[in-house]
PDB file of N, CA and C in Angstrom:
ATOM      1  N   MET A   1       0.799  -1.167   0.000  1.00  0.00           N
ATOM      2  CA  MET A   1       0.000   0.000   0.000  1.00  0.00           C
ATOM      3  C   MET A   1       0.863   1.260   0.000  1.00  0.00           C
ATOM      4  N   LYS A   2       1.958   1.172   0.706  1.00  0.00           N
ATOM      5  CA  LYS A   2       2.861   2.312   0.719  1.00  0.00           C
ATOM      6  C   LYS A   2       3.355   2.598  -0.691  1.00  0.00           C
ATOM      7  N   THR A   3       3.633   1.583  -1.449  1.00  0.00           N
ATOM      8  CA  THR A   3       4.109   1.779  -2.815  1.00  0.00           C
ATOM      9  C   THR A   3       3.043   2.416  -3.685  1.00  0.00           C
ATOM     10  N   LYS A   4       1.780   2.030  -3.450  1.00  0.00           N
ATOM     11  CA  LYS A   4       0.705   2.630  -4.235  1.00  0.00           C
ATOM     12  C   LYS A   4       0.568   4.098  -3.892  1.00  0.00           C
ATOM     13  N   ILE A   5       0.690   4.425  -2.620  1.00  0.00           N
ATOM     14  CA  ILE A   5       0.566   5.825  -2.200  1.00  0.00           C
ATOM     15  C   ILE A   5       1.755   6.615  -2.738  1.00  0.00           C
ATOM     16  N   VAL A   6       2.938   6.049  -2.641  1.00  0.00           N
ATOM     17  CA  VAL A   6       4.134   6.733  -3.146  1.00  0.00           C
ATOM     18  C   VAL A   6       4.031   6.863  -4.652  1.00  0.00           C
ATOM     19  N   SER A   7       3.540   5.824  -5.324  1.00  0.00           N
ATOM     20  CA  SER A   7       3.372   5.876  -6.775  1.00  0.00           C
ATOM     21  C   SER A   7       2.352   6.940  -7.143  1.00  0.00           C
ATOM     22  N   ALA A   8       1.237   6.975  -6.399  1.00  0.00           N
ATOM     23  CA  ALA A   8       0.199   7.967  -6.673  1.00  0.00           C
ATOM     24  C   ALA A   8       0.747   9.365  -6.438  1.00  0.00           C
ATOM     25  N   LEU A   9       1.498   9.549  -5.352  1.00  0.00           N
ATOM     26  CA  LEU A   9       2.090  10.866  -5.074  1.00  0.00           C
ATOM     27  C   LEU A   9       3.106  11.249  -6.153  1.00  0.00           C
ATOM     28  N   ALA A  10       3.887  10.257  -6.572  1.00  0.00           N
ATOM     29  CA  ALA A  10       4.869  10.512  -7.629  1.00  0.00           C
ATOM     30  C   ALA A  10       4.162  10.888  -8.920  1.00  0.00           C
ATOM     31  N   LEU A  11       3.060  10.184  -9.219  1.00  0.00           N
ATOM     32  CA  LEU A  11       2.282  10.480 -10.421  1.00  0.00           C
ATOM     33  C   LEU A  11       1.678  11.876 -10.343  1.00  0.00           C
ATOM     34  N   ILE A  12       1.110  12.220  -9.195  1.00  0.00           N
ATOM     35  CA  ILE A  12       0.527  13.553  -9.006  1.00  0.00           C
ATOM     36  C   ILE A  12       1.619  14.619  -9.115  1.00  0.00           C
ATOM     37  N   LEU A  13       2.750  14.327  -8.520  1.00  0.00           N
ATOM     38  CA  LEU A  13       3.861  15.275  -8.582  1.00  0.00           C
ATOM     39  C   LEU A  13       4.317  15.474 -10.020  1.00  0.00           C
ATOM     40  N   LEU A  14       4.461  14.386 -10.767  1.00  0.00           N
ATOM     41  CA  LEU A  14       4.872  14.481 -12.170  1.00  0.00           C
ATOM     42  C   LEU A  14       3.837  15.220 -13.004  1.00  0.00           C
ATOM     43  N   LEU A  15       2.554  14.927 -12.755  1.00  0.00           N
ATOM     44  CA  LEU A  15       1.498  15.627 -13.487  1.00  0.00           C
ATOM     45  C   LEU A  15       1.514  17.121 -13.163  1.00  0.00           C
ATOM     46  N   THR A  16       1.716  17.446 -11.893  1.00  0.00           N
ATOM     47  CA  THR A  16       1.764  18.847 -11.476  1.00  0.00           C
ATOM     48  C   THR A  16       2.960  19.551 -12.124  1.00  0.00           C
ATOM     49  N   VAL A  17       4.106  18.892 -12.096  1.00  0.00           N
ATOM     50  CA  VAL A  17       5.308  19.463 -12.704  1.00  0.00           C
ATOM     51  C   VAL A  17       5.118  19.614 -14.207  1.00  0.00           C
ATOM     52  N   GLY A  18       4.510  18.624 -14.849  1.00  0.00           N
ATOM     53  CA  GLY A  18       4.247  18.688 -16.286  1.00  0.00           C
ATOM     54  C   GLY A  18       3.301  19.834 -16.631  1.00  0.00           C
ATOM     55  N   ALA A  19       2.232  19.961 -15.844  1.00  0.00           N
ATOM     56  CA  ALA A  19       1.273  21.037 -16.084  1.00  0.00           C
ATOM     57  C   ALA A  19       1.931  22.398 -15.893  1.00  0.00           C
ATOM     58  N   TYR A  20       2.737  22.499 -14.832  1.00  0.00           N
ATOM     59  CA  TYR A  20       3.434  23.761 -14.569  1.00  0.00           C
ATOM     60  C   TYR A  20       4.397  24.087 -15.717  1.00  0.00           C
ATOM     61  N   ALA A  21       5.126  23.049 -16.180  1.00  0.00           N
ATOM     62  CA  ALA A  21       6.077  23.242 -17.277  1.00  0.00           C
ATOM     63  C   ALA A  21       5.346  23.669 -18.540  1.00  0.00           C
ATOM     64  N   GLN A  22       4.182  23.043 -18.779  1.00  0.00           N
ATOM     65  CA  GLN A  22       3.407  23.393 -19.966  1.00  0.00           C
ATOM     66  C   GLN A  22       2.901  24.822 -19.860  1.00  0.00           C
ATOM     67  N   GLU A  23       2.452  25.213 -18.688  1.00  0.00           N
ATOM     68  CA  GLU A  23       1.941  26.560 -18.476  1.00  0.00           C
ATOM     69  C   GLU A  23       3.053  27.591 -18.648  1.00  0.00           C
ATOM     70  N   THR A  24       4.216  27.324 -18.088  1.00  0.00           N
ATOM     71  CA  THR A  24       5.318  28.277 -18.197  1.00  0.00           C
ATOM     72  C   THR A  24       5.825  28.356 -19.628  1.00  0.00           C
ATOM     73  N   THR A  25       5.771  27.214 -20.333  1.00  0.00           N
ATOM     74  CA  THR A  25       6.183  27.212 -21.730  1.00  0.00           C
ATOM     75  C   THR A  25       5.220  28.059 -22.552  1.00  0.00           C
ATOM     76  N   ALA A  26       3.929  27.870 -22.314  1.00  0.00           N
ATOM     77  CA  ALA A  26       2.931  28.656 -23.036  1.00  0.00           C
ATOM     78  C   ALA A  26       3.090  30.138 -22.714  1.00  0.00           C
ATOM     79  N   THR A  27       3.317  30.418 -21.430  1.00  0.00           N
ATOM     80  CA  THR A  27       3.504  31.809 -21.029  1.00  0.00           C
ATOM     81  C   THR A  27       4.763  32.379 -21.663  1.00  0.00           C
ATOM     82  N   SER A  28       5.824  31.616 -21.659  1.00  0.00           N
ATOM     83  CA  SER A  28       7.070  32.120 -22.233  1.00  0.00           C
ATOM     84  C   SER A  28       6.935  32.289 -23.747  1.00  0.00           C
ATOM     85  N   LYS A  29       6.157  31.423 -24.406  1.00  0.00           N
ATOM     86  CA  LYS A  29       5.935  31.573 -25.845  1.00  0.00           C
ATOM     87  C   LYS A  29       5.177  32.871 -26.120  1.00  0.00           C
ATOM     88  N   LYS A  30       4.172  33.154 -25.262  1.00  0.00           N
ATOM     89  CA  LYS A  30       3.427  34.398 -25.420  1.00  0.00           C
ATOM     90  C   LYS A  30       4.343  35.599 -25.226  1.00  0.00           C
ATOM     91  N   GLU A  31       5.178  35.486 -24.207  1.00  0.00           N
ATOM     92  CA  GLU A  31       6.095  36.589 -23.939  1.00  0.00           C
ATOM     93  C   GLU A  31       7.092  36.758 -25.078  1.00  0.00           C
ATOM     94  N   VAL A  32       7.558  35.641 -25.631  1.00  0.00           N
ATOM     95  CA  VAL A  32       8.495  35.705 -26.754  1.00  0.00           C
ATOM     96  C   VAL A  32       7.814  36.370 -27.942  1.00  0.00           C
ATOM     97  N   ARG A  33       6.562  35.970 -28.228  1.00  0.00           N
ATOM     98  CA  ARG A  33       5.817  36.579 -29.335  1.00  0.00           C
ATOM     99  C   ARG A  33       5.611  38.066 -29.105  1.00  0.00           C
ATOM    100  N   LYS A  34       5.259  38.425 -27.845  1.00  0.00           N
ATOM    101  CA  LYS A  34       5.078  39.840 -27.513  1.00  0.00           C
ATOM    102  C   LYS A  34       6.371  40.614 -27.722  1.00  0.00           C
ATOM    103  N   GLN A  35       7.468  40.016 -27.272  1.00  0.00           N
ATOM    104  CA  GLN A  35       8.758  40.681 -27.401  1.00  0.00           C
ATOM    105  C   GLN A  35       9.137  40.828 -28.877  1.00  0.00           C
ATOM    106  N   GLU A  36       8.912  39.768 -29.666  1.00  0.00           N
ATOM    107  CA  GLU A  36       9.214  39.836 -31.101  1.00  0.00           C
ATOM    108  C   GLU A  36       8.369  40.914 -31.775  1.00  0.00           C
ATOM    109  N   LYS A  37       7.096  40.972 -31.392  1.00  0.00           N
ATOM    110  CA  LYS A  37       6.201  41.983 -31.962  1.00  0.00           C
ATOM    111  C   LYS A  37       6.684  43.386 -31.592  1.00  0.00           C
ATOM    112  N   ALA A  38       7.100  43.564 -30.347  1.00  0.00           N
ATOM    113  CA  ALA A  38       7.611  44.863 -29.901  1.00  0.00           C
ATOM    114  C   ALA A  38       8.890  45.224 -30.650  1.00  0.00           C
ATOM    115  N   GLU A  39       9.762  44.234 -30.871  1.00  0.00           N
ATOM    116  CA  GLU A  39      10.997  44.481 -31.608  1.00  0.00           C
ATOM    117  C   GLU A  39      10.700  44.860 -33.052  1.00  0.00           C
ATOM    118  N   ARG A  40       9.745  44.137 -33.682  1.00  0.00           N
ATOM    119  CA  ARG A  40       9.359  44.463 -35.055  1.00  0.00           C
ATOM    120  C   ARG A  40       8.798  45.881 -35.131  1.00  0.00           C
ATOM    121  N   LYS A  41       7.960  46.226 -34.154  1.00  0.00           N
ATOM    122  CA  LYS A  41       7.358  47.557 -34.111  1.00  0.00           C
ATOM    123  C   LYS A  41       8.439  48.624 -33.956  1.00  0.00           C
ATOM    124  N   ALA A  42       9.394  48.380 -33.059  1.00  0.00           N
ATOM    125  CA  ALA A  42      10.485  49.331 -32.845  1.00  0.00           C
ATOM    126  C   ALA A  42      11.349  49.461 -34.097  1.00  0.00           C
ATOM    127  N   ARG A  43      11.629  48.311 -34.742  1.00  0.00           N
ATOM    128  CA  ARG A  43      12.431  48.324 -35.965  1.00  0.00           C
ATOM    129  C   ARG A  43      11.705  49.082 -37.071  1.00  0.00           C
ATOM    130  N   MET A  44      10.388  48.849 -37.184  1.00  0.00           N
ATOM    131  CA  MET A  44       9.580  49.531 -38.199  1.00  0.00           C
ATOM    132  C   MET A  44       9.559  51.036 -37.931  1.00  0.00           C
ATOM    133  N   LYS A  45       9.423  51.395 -36.653  1.00  0.00           N
ATOM    134  CA  LYS A  45       9.406  52.807 -36.279  1.00  0.00           C
ATOM    135  C   LYS A  45      10.740  53.464 -36.631  1.00  0.00           C
ATOM    136  N   SER A  46      11.824  52.758 -36.335  1.00  0.00           N
ATOM    137  CA  SER A  46      13.157  53.272 -36.647  1.00  0.00           C
ATOM    138  C   SER A  46      13.347  53.422 -38.159  1.00  0.00           C
ATOM    139  N   ASP A  47      12.887  52.399 -38.913  1.00  0.00           N
ATOM    140  CA  ASP A  47      12.993  52.457 -40.372  1.00  0.00           C
ATOM    141  C   ASP A  47      12.193  53.634 -40.929  1.00  0.00           C
ATOM    142  N   MET A  48      11.000  53.841 -40.390  1.00  0.00           N
ATOM    143  CA  MET A  48      10.169  54.956 -40.855  1.00  0.00           C
ATOM    144  C   MET A  48      10.829  56.295 -40.533  1.00  0.00           C
ATOM    145  N   LYS A  49      11.433  56.377 -39.356  1.00  0.00           N
ATOM    146  CA  LYS A  49      12.124  57.607 -38.965  1.00  0.00           C
ATOM    147  C   LYS A  49      13.295  57.874 -39.908  1.00  0.00           C
ATOM    148  N   ASP A  50      14.086  56.824 -40.191  1.00  0.00           N
ATOM    149  CA  ASP A  50      15.212  56.970 -41.113  1.00  0.00           C
ATOM    150  C   ASP A  50      14.734  57.364 -42.504  1.00  0.00           C
ATOM    151  N   LEU A  51      13.643  56.742 -42.937  1.00  0.00           N
ATOM    152  CA  LEU A  51      13.077  57.060 -44.242  1.00  0.00           C
ATOM    153  C   LEU A  51      12.631  58.520 -44.296  1.00  0.00           C
ATOM    154  N   GLY A  52      11.990  58.974 -43.237  1.00  0.00           N
ATOM    155  CA  GLY A  52      11.562  60.373 -43.174  1.00  0.00           C
ATOM    156  C   GLY A  52      12.736  61.327 -43.208  1.00  0.00           C
ATOM    157  N   GLN A  53      13.800  60.984 -42.486  1.00  0.00           N
ATOM    158  CA  GLN A  53      14.985  61.844 -42.479  1.00  0.00           C
ATOM    159  C   GLN A  53      15.655  61.867 -43.845  1.00  0.00           C
ATOM    160  N   SER A  54      15.739  60.711 -44.486  1.00  0.00           N
ATOM    161  CA  SER A  54      16.372  60.680 -45.809  1.00  0.00           C
ATOM    162  C   SER A  54      15.518  61.433 -46.830  1.00  0.00           C
ATOM    163  N   ALA A  55      14.194  61.309 -46.719  1.00  0.00           N
ATOM    164  CA  ALA A  55      13.314  62.070 -47.616  1.00  0.00           C
ATOM    165  C   ALA A  55      13.461  63.564 -47.360  1.00  0.00           C
ATOM    166  N   GLY A  56      13.563  63.930 -46.102  1.00  0.00           N
ATOM    167  CA  GLY A  56      13.746  65.344 -45.758  1.00  0.00           C
ATOM    168  C   GLY A  56      15.057  65.887 -46.285  1.00  0.00           C
ATOM    169  N   SER A  57      16.137  65.115 -46.138  1.00  0.00           N
ATOM    170  CA  SER A  57      17.430  65.588 -46.642  1.00  0.00           C
ATOM    171  C   SER A  57      17.428  65.654 -48.168  1.00  0.00           C
ATOM    172  N   ALA A  58      16.765  64.698 -48.814  1.00  0.00           N
ATOM    173  CA  ALA A  58      16.670  64.738 -50.278  1.00  0.00           C
ATOM    174  C   ALA A  58      15.882  65.966 -50.726  1.00  0.00           C
ATOM    175  N   ALA A  59      14.812  66.268 -50.014  1.00  0.00           N
ATOM    176  CA  ALA A  59      14.024  67.458 -50.350  1.00  0.00           C
ATOM    177  C   ALA A  59      14.834  68.726 -50.120  1.00  0.00           C
ATOM    178  N   SER A  60      15.623  68.757 -49.057  1.00  0.00           N
ATOM    179  CA  SER A  60      16.478  69.924 -48.788  1.00  0.00           C
ATOM    180  C   SER A  60      17.504  70.102 -49.902  1.00  0.00           C
ATOM    181  N   GLU A  61      18.126  68.999 -50.301  1.00  0.00           N
ATOM    182  CA  GLU A  61      19.113  69.071 -51.379  1.00  0.00           C
ATOM    183  C   GLU A  61      18.465  69.541 -52.674  1.00  0.00           C
ATOM    184  N   ALA A  62      17.276  69.011 -52.971  1.00  0.00           N
ATOM    185  CA  ALA A  62      16.573  69.435 -54.179  1.00  0.00           C
ATOM    186  C   ALA A  62      16.228  70.917 -54.098  1.00  0.00           C
ATOM    187  N   GLY A  63      15.794  71.358 -52.935  1.00  0.00           N
ATOM    188  CA  GLY A  63      15.476  72.773 -52.751  1.00  0.00           C
ATOM    189  C   GLY A  63      16.697  73.654 -52.942  1.00  0.00           C
ATOM    190  N   GLN A  64      17.847  73.215 -52.409  1.00  0.00           N
ATOM    191  CA  GLN A  64      19.084  73.982 -52.581  1.00  0.00           C
ATOM    192  C   GLN A  64      19.471  74.049 -54.055  1.00  0.00           C
ATOM    193  N   GLY A  65      19.320  72.919 -54.760  1.00  0.00           N
ATOM    194  CA  GLY A  65      19.634  72.895 -56.193  1.00  0.00           C
ATOM    195  C   GLY A  65      18.732  73.831 -56.968  1.00  0.00           C
ATOM    196  N   ILE A  66      17.457  73.810 -56.650  1.00  0.00           N
ATOM    197  CA  ILE A  66      16.507  74.693 -57.324  1.00  0.00           C
ATOM    198  C   ILE A  66      16.838  76.148 -57.021  1.00  0.00           C
ATOM    199  N   LYS A  67      17.210  76.409 -55.774  1.00  0.00           N
ATOM    200  CA  LYS A  67      17.560  77.779 -55.377  1.00  0.00           C
ATOM    201  C   LYS A  67      18.775  78.266 -56.167  1.00  0.00           C
ATOM    202  N   ARG A  68      19.801  77.401 -56.273  1.00  0.00           N
ATOM    203  CA  ARG A  68      20.994  77.777 -57.037  1.00  0.00           C
ATOM    204  C   ARG A  68      20.645  78.032 -58.498  1.00  0.00           C
ATOM    205  N   LYS A  69      19.840  77.134 -59.074  1.00  0.00           N
ATOM    206  CA  LYS A  69      19.467  77.304 -60.482  1.00  0.00           C
ATOM    207  C   LYS A  69      18.641  78.569 -60.689  1.00  0.00           C
ATOM    208  N   ALA A  70      17.764  78.866 -59.744  1.00  0.00           N
ATOM    209  CA  ALA A  70      16.955  80.083 -59.849  1.00  0.00           C
ATOM    210  C   ALA A  70      17.842  81.323 -59.755  1.00  0.00           C
ATOM    211  N   LYS A  71      18.847  81.255 -58.888  1.00  0.00           N
ATOM    212  CA  LYS A  71      19.781  82.374 -58.760  1.00  0.00           C
ATOM    213  C   LYS A  71      20.523  82.596 -60.076  1.00  0.00           C
ATOM    214  N   VAL A  72      21.019  81.509 -60.673  1.00  0.00           N
ATOM    215  CA  VAL A  72      21.744  81.598 -61.940  1.00  0.00           C
ATOM    216  C   VAL A  72      20.813  82.127 -63.032  1.00  0.00           C
ATOM    217  N   ALA A  73      19.589  81.606 -63.059  1.00  0.00           N
ATOM    218  CA  ALA A  73      18.624  82.057 -64.069  1.00  0.00           C
ATOM    219  C   ALA A  73      18.288  83.531 -63.863  1.00  0.00           C
ATOM    220  N   GLY A  74      18.138  83.931 -62.607  1.00  0.00           N
ATOM    221  CA  GLY A  74      17.856  85.341 -62.319  1.00  0.00           C
ATOM    222  C   GLY A  74      18.993  86.232 -62.766  1.00  0.00           C
ATOM    223  N   ALA A  75      20.221  85.791 -62.531  1.00  0.00           N
ATOM    224  CA  ALA A  75      21.381  86.565 -62.972  1.00  0.00           C
ATOM    225  C   ALA A  75      21.414  86.650 -64.497  1.00  0.00           C
ATOM    226  N   ALA A  76      21.100  85.539 -65.166  1.00  0.00           N
ATOM    227  CA  ALA A  76      21.078  85.535 -66.630  1.00  0.00           C
ATOM    228  C   ALA A  76      20.000  86.477 -67.157  1.00  0.00           C
ATOM    229  N   VAL A  77      18.829  86.450 -66.531  1.00  0.00           N
ATOM    230  CA  VAL A  77      17.743  87.338 -66.947  1.00  0.00           C
ATOM    231  C   VAL A  77      18.147  88.789 -66.716  1.00  0.00           C
ATOM    232  N   ASP A  78      18.786  89.053 -65.580  1.00  0.00           N
ATOM    233  CA  ASP A  78      19.228  90.416 -65.269  1.00  0.00           C
ATOM    234  C   ASP A  78      20.232  90.892 -66.306  1.00  0.00           C
ATOM    235  N   THR A  79      21.198  90.038 -66.639  1.00  0.00           N
ATOM    236  CA  THR A  79      22.212  90.381 -67.638  1.00  0.00           C
ATOM    237  C   THR A  79      21.558  90.632 -68.990  1.00  0.00           C
ATOM    238  N   THR A  80      20.631  89.764 -69.362  1.00  0.00           N
ATOM    239  CA  THR A  80      19.934  89.913 -70.634  1.00  0.00           C
ATOM    240  C   THR A  80      19.122  91.199 -70.639  1.00  0.00           C
ATOM    241  N   ALA A  81      18.458  91.492 -69.540  1.00  0.00           N
ATOM    242  CA  ALA A  81      17.667  92.718 -69.460  1.00  0.00           C
ATOM    243  C   ALA A  81      18.564  93.944 -69.585  1.00  0.00           C
ATOM    244  N   GLN A  82      19.742  93.888 -68.983  1.00  0.00           N
ATOM    245  CA  GLN A  82      20.676  95.010 -69.111  1.00  0.00           C
ATOM    246  C   GLN A  82      21.130  95.183 -70.557  1.00  0.00           C
ATOM    247  N   LYS A  83      21.421  94.059 -71.224  1.00  0.00           N
ATOM    248  CA  LYS A  83      21.830  94.129 -72.633  1.00  0.00           C
ATOM    249  C   LYS A  83      20.716  94.700 -73.492  1.00  0.00           C
ATOM    250  N   VAL A  84      19.495  94.219 -73.251  1.00  0.00           N
ATOM    251  CA  VAL A  84      18.343  94.727 -74.014  1.00  0.00           C
ATOM    252  C   VAL A  84      18.154  96.209 -73.734  1.00  0.00           C
ATOM    253  N   GLY A  85      18.297  96.610 -72.481  1.00  0.00           N
ATOM    254  CA  GLY A  85      18.165  98.016 -72.119  1.00  0.00           C
ATOM    255  C   GLY A  85      19.198  98.874 -72.827  1.00  0.00           C
ATOM    256  N   ARG A  86      20.437  98.398 -72.883  1.00  0.00           N
ATOM    257  CA  ARG A  86      21.486  99.136 -73.585  1.00  0.00           C
ATOM    258  C   ARG A  86      21.168  99.248 -75.072  1.00  0.00           C
ATOM    259  N   ALA A  87      20.695  98.116 -75.658  1.00  0.00           N
ATOM    260  CA  ALA A  87      20.361  98.139 -77.087  1.00  0.00           C
ATOM    261  C   ALA A  87      19.204  99.099 -77.354  1.00  0.00           C
ATOM    262  N   VAL A  88      18.210  99.099 -76.479  1.00  0.00           N
ATOM    263  CA  VAL A  88      17.074 100.015 -76.651  1.00  0.00           C
ATOM    264  C   VAL A  88      17.546 101.456 -76.508  1.00  0.00           C
ATOM    265  N   ASN A  89      18.404 101.709 -75.534  1.00  0.00           N
ATOM    266  CA  ASN A  89      18.927 103.068 -75.353  1.00  0.00           C
ATOM    267  C   ASN A  89      19.711 103.529 -76.582  1.00  0.00           C
ATOM    268  N   LYS A  90      20.526 102.627 -77.152  1.00  0.00           N
ATOM    269  CA  LYS A  90      21.271 102.968 -78.367  1.00  0.00           C
ATOM    270  C   LYS A  90      20.304 103.288 -79.501  1.00  0.00           C
ATOM    271  N   GLY A  91      19.266 102.432 -79.613  1.00  0.00           N
ATOM    272  CA  GLY A  91      18.270 102.667 -80.669  1.00  0.00           C
ATOM    273  C   GLY A  91      17.557 103.997 -80.476  1.00  0.00           C
ATOM    274  N   LEU A  92      17.213 104.316 -79.228  1.00  0.00           N
ATOM    275  CA  LEU A  92      16.549 105.587 -78.944  1.00  0.00           C
ATOM    276  C   LEU A  92      17.478 106.761 -79.231  1.00  0.00           C
ATOM    277  N   ASP A  93      18.752 106.624 -78.884  1.00  0.00           N
ATOM    278  CA  ASP A  93      19.719 107.689 -79.176  1.00  0.00           C
ATOM    279  C   ASP A  93      19.841 107.912 -80.677  1.00  0.00           C
ATOM    280  N   LYS A  94      19.907 106.829 -81.445  1.00  0.00           N
ATOM    281  CA  LYS A  94      19.999 106.950 -82.902  1.00  0.00           C
ATOM    282  C   LYS A  94      18.747 107.606 -83.466  1.00  0.00           C
ATOM    283  N   ALA A  95      17.584 107.195 -82.962  1.00  0.00           N
ATOM    284  CA  ALA A  95      16.329 107.790 -83.435  1.00  0.00           C
ATOM    285  C   ALA A  95      16.276 109.268 -83.090  1.00  0.00           C
ATOM    286  N   GLU A  96      16.715 109.607 -81.884  1.00  0.00           N
ATOM    287  CA  GLU A  96      16.728 111.016 -81.471  1.00  0.00           C
ATOM    288  C   GLU A  96      17.661 111.821 -82.370  1.00  0.00           C
ATOM    289  N   ASN A  97      18.838 111.268 -82.629  1.00  0.00           N
ATOM    290  CA  ASN A  97      19.798 111.955 -83.502  1.00  0.00           C
ATOM    291  C   ASN A  97      19.223 112.129 -84.896  1.00  0.00           C
ATOM    292  N   ALA A  98      18.538 111.105 -85.420  1.00  0.00           N
ATOM    293  CA  ALA A  98      17.933 111.191 -86.752  1.00  0.00           C
ATOM    294  C   ALA A  98      16.845 112.268 -86.777  1.00  0.00           C
ATOM    295  N   ILE A  99      16.037 112.331 -85.709  1.00  0.00           N
ATOM    296  CA  ILE A  99      14.967 113.336 -85.641  1.00  0.00           C
ATOM    297  C   ILE A  99      15.574 114.742 -85.565  1.00  0.00           C
ATOM    298  N   VAL A 100      16.594 114.901 -84.749  1.00  0.00           N
ATOM    299  CA  VAL A 100      17.252 116.209 -84.611  1.00  0.00           C
ATOM    300  C   VAL A 100      17.879 116.618 -85.939  1.00  0.00           C
ATOM    301  N   THR A 101      18.556 115.675 -86.597  1.00  0.00           N
ATOM    302  CA  THR A 101      19.190 115.962 -87.891  1.00  0.00           C
ATOM    303  C   THR A 101      18.144 116.372 -88.918  1.00  0.00           C
ATOM    304  N   GLU A 102      17.039 115.633 -88.967  1.00  0.00           N
ATOM    305  CA  GLU A 102      15.962 115.946 -89.919  1.00  0.00           C
ATOM    306  C   GLU A 102      15.361 117.312 -89.601  1.00  0.00           C
ATOM    307  N   GLY A 103      15.189 117.579 -88.305  1.00  0.00           N
ATOM    308  CA  GLY A 103      14.676 118.902 -87.902  1.00  0.00           C
ATOM    309  C   GLY A 103      15.623 120.011 -88.301  1.00  0.00           C
ATOM    310  N   ASP A 104      16.907 119.791 -88.119  1.00  0.00           N
ATOM    311  CA  ASP A 104      17.907 120.788 -88.514  1.00  0.00           C
ATOM    312  C   ASP A 104      17.869 121.025 -90.023  1.00  0.00           C
ATOM    313  N   LYS A 105      17.704 119.944 -90.804  1.00  0.00           N
ATOM    314  CA  LYS A 105      17.617 120.077 -92.262  1.00  0.00           C
ATOM    315  C   LYS A 105      16.406 120.919 -92.654  1.00  0.00           C
ATOM    316  N   LEU A 106      15.240 120.594 -92.032  1.00  0.00           N
ATOM    317  CA  LEU A 106      14.016 121.350 -92.347  1.00  0.00           C
ATOM    318  C   LEU A 106      14.176 122.818 -91.957  1.00  0.00           C
ATOM    319  N   LYS A 107      14.778 123.062 -90.800  1.00  0.00           N
ATOM    320  CA  LYS A 107      14.997 124.440 -90.335  1.00  0.00           C
ATOM    321  C   LYS A 107      15.923 125.182 -91.286  1.00  0.00           C
ATOM    322  N   ALA A 108      17.000 124.501 -91.717  1.00  0.00           N
ATOM    323  CA  ALA A 108      17.946 125.122 -92.654  1.00  0.00           C
ATOM    324  C   ALA A 108      17.258 125.427 -93.977  1.00  0.00           C
ATOM    325  N   LYS A 109      16.423 124.512 -94.443  1.00  0.00           N
ATOM    326  CA  LYS A 109      15.699 124.718 -95.705  1.00  0.00           C
ATOM    327  C   LYS A 109      14.743 125.897 -95.576  1.00  0.00           C
ATOM    328  N   ARG A 110      14.024 125.953 -94.445  1.00  0.00           N
ATOM    329  CA  ARG A 110      13.085 127.056 -94.225  1.00  0.00           C
ATOM    330  C   ARG A 110      13.836 128.392 -94.149  1.00  0.00           C
ATOM    331  N   ASP A 111      14.975 128.376 -93.446  1.00  0.00           N
ATOM    332  CA  ASP A 111      15.771 129.590 -93.320  1.00  0.00           C
ATOM    333  C   ASP A 111      16.294 130.042 -94.671  1.00  0.00           C
ATOM    334  N   SER A 112      16.750 129.107 -95.500  1.00  0.00           N
ATOM    335  CA  SER A 112      17.264 129.477 -96.826  1.00  0.00           C
ATOM    336  C   SER A 112      16.145 130.005 -97.714  1.00  0.00           C
ATOM    337  N   THR A 113      14.952 129.419 -97.586  1.00  0.00           N
ATOM    338  CA  THR A 113      13.809 129.893 -98.374  1.00  0.00           C
ATOM    339  C   THR A 113      13.444 131.307 -97.935  1.00  0.00           C
ATOM    340  N   GLN A 114      13.420 131.548 -96.631  1.00  0.00           N
ATOM    341  CA  GLN A 114      13.108 132.885 -96.124  1.00  0.00           C
ATOM    342  C   GLN A 114      14.186 133.890 -96.540  1.00  0.00           C
ATOM    343  N   ALA A 115      15.431 133.457 -96.524  1.00  0.00           N
ATOM    344  CA  ALA A 115      16.522 134.369 -96.935  1.00  0.00           C
ATOM    345  C   ALA A 115      16.387 134.698 -98.405  1.00  0.00           C
ATOM    346  N   ALA A 116      16.006 133.715 -99.220  1.00  0.00           N
ATOM    347  CA  ALA A 116      15.823 133.963-100.660  1.00  0.00           C
ATOM    348  C   ALA A 116      14.663 134.937-100.885  1.00  0.00           C
ATOM    349  N   LYS A 117      13.592 134.760-100.146  1.00  0.00           N
ATOM    350  CA  LYS A 117      12.441 135.673-100.242  1.00  0.00           C
ATOM    351  C   LYS A 117      12.835 137.077 -99.826  1.00  0.00           C
ATOM    352  N   ALA A 118      13.599 137.142 -98.773  1.00  0.00           N
ATOM    353  CA  ALA A 118      14.026 138.439 -98.257  1.00  0.00           C
ATOM    354  C   ALA A 118      14.904 139.131 -99.277  1.00  0.00           C
ATOM    355  N   ARG A 119      15.771 138.409 -99.975  1.00  0.00           N
ATOM    356  CA  ARG A 119      16.621 138.979-100.996  1.00  0.00           C
ATOM    357  C   ARG A 119      15.789 139.497-102.150  1.00  0.00           C
ATOM    358  N   ARG A 120      14.773 138.692-102.543  1.00  0.00           N
ATOM    359  CA  ARG A 120      13.925 139.104-103.643  1.00  0.00           C
ATOM    360  C   ARG A 120      13.150 140.365-103.313  1.00  0.00           C
ATOM    361  N   ASP A 121      12.671 140.398-102.064  1.00  0.00           N
ATOM    362  CA  ASP A 121      11.882 141.550-101.631  1.00  0.00           C
ATOM    363  C   ASP A 121      12.734 142.807-101.550  1.00  0.00           C
ATOM    364  N   THR A 122      13.988 142.686-101.250  1.00  0.00           N
ATOM    365  CA  THR A 122      14.847 143.853-101.139  1.00  0.00           C
ATOM    366  C   THR A 122      15.296 144.356-102.468  1.00  0.00           C
ATOM    367  N   LEU A 123      15.252 143.535-103.512  1.00  0.00           N
ATOM    368  CA  LEU A 123      15.693 143.968-104.827  1.00  0.00           C
ATOM    369  C   LEU A 123      14.645 144.761-105.457  1.00  0.00           C
TER     370      LEU A 123
END
């Protein structure tokens, strides 16, 4: 009878230990899954942060490039506008000189006609 009681106690003890081991294994598996999920989440968050920073730096570089190109284009437009302004001023000066010359010719012609009339009238 002692052997049956010891056997029964040993069986109960083994069953209890087995159940406890199974429970702790299940719990540890859950914890492992939770930890893996947390690690994946942290890794994803880090990747997204890095992606955002790289996108931001790429946008900054693109903005700087556009700014430089706009500056160069603005300088080119300014230079071209100055050249056009000089050409227009030269054209206006030539036109003014032509108008003045033509006016002087007409004035000289009128003066010579009046002088001829005056000579005729005095004779």
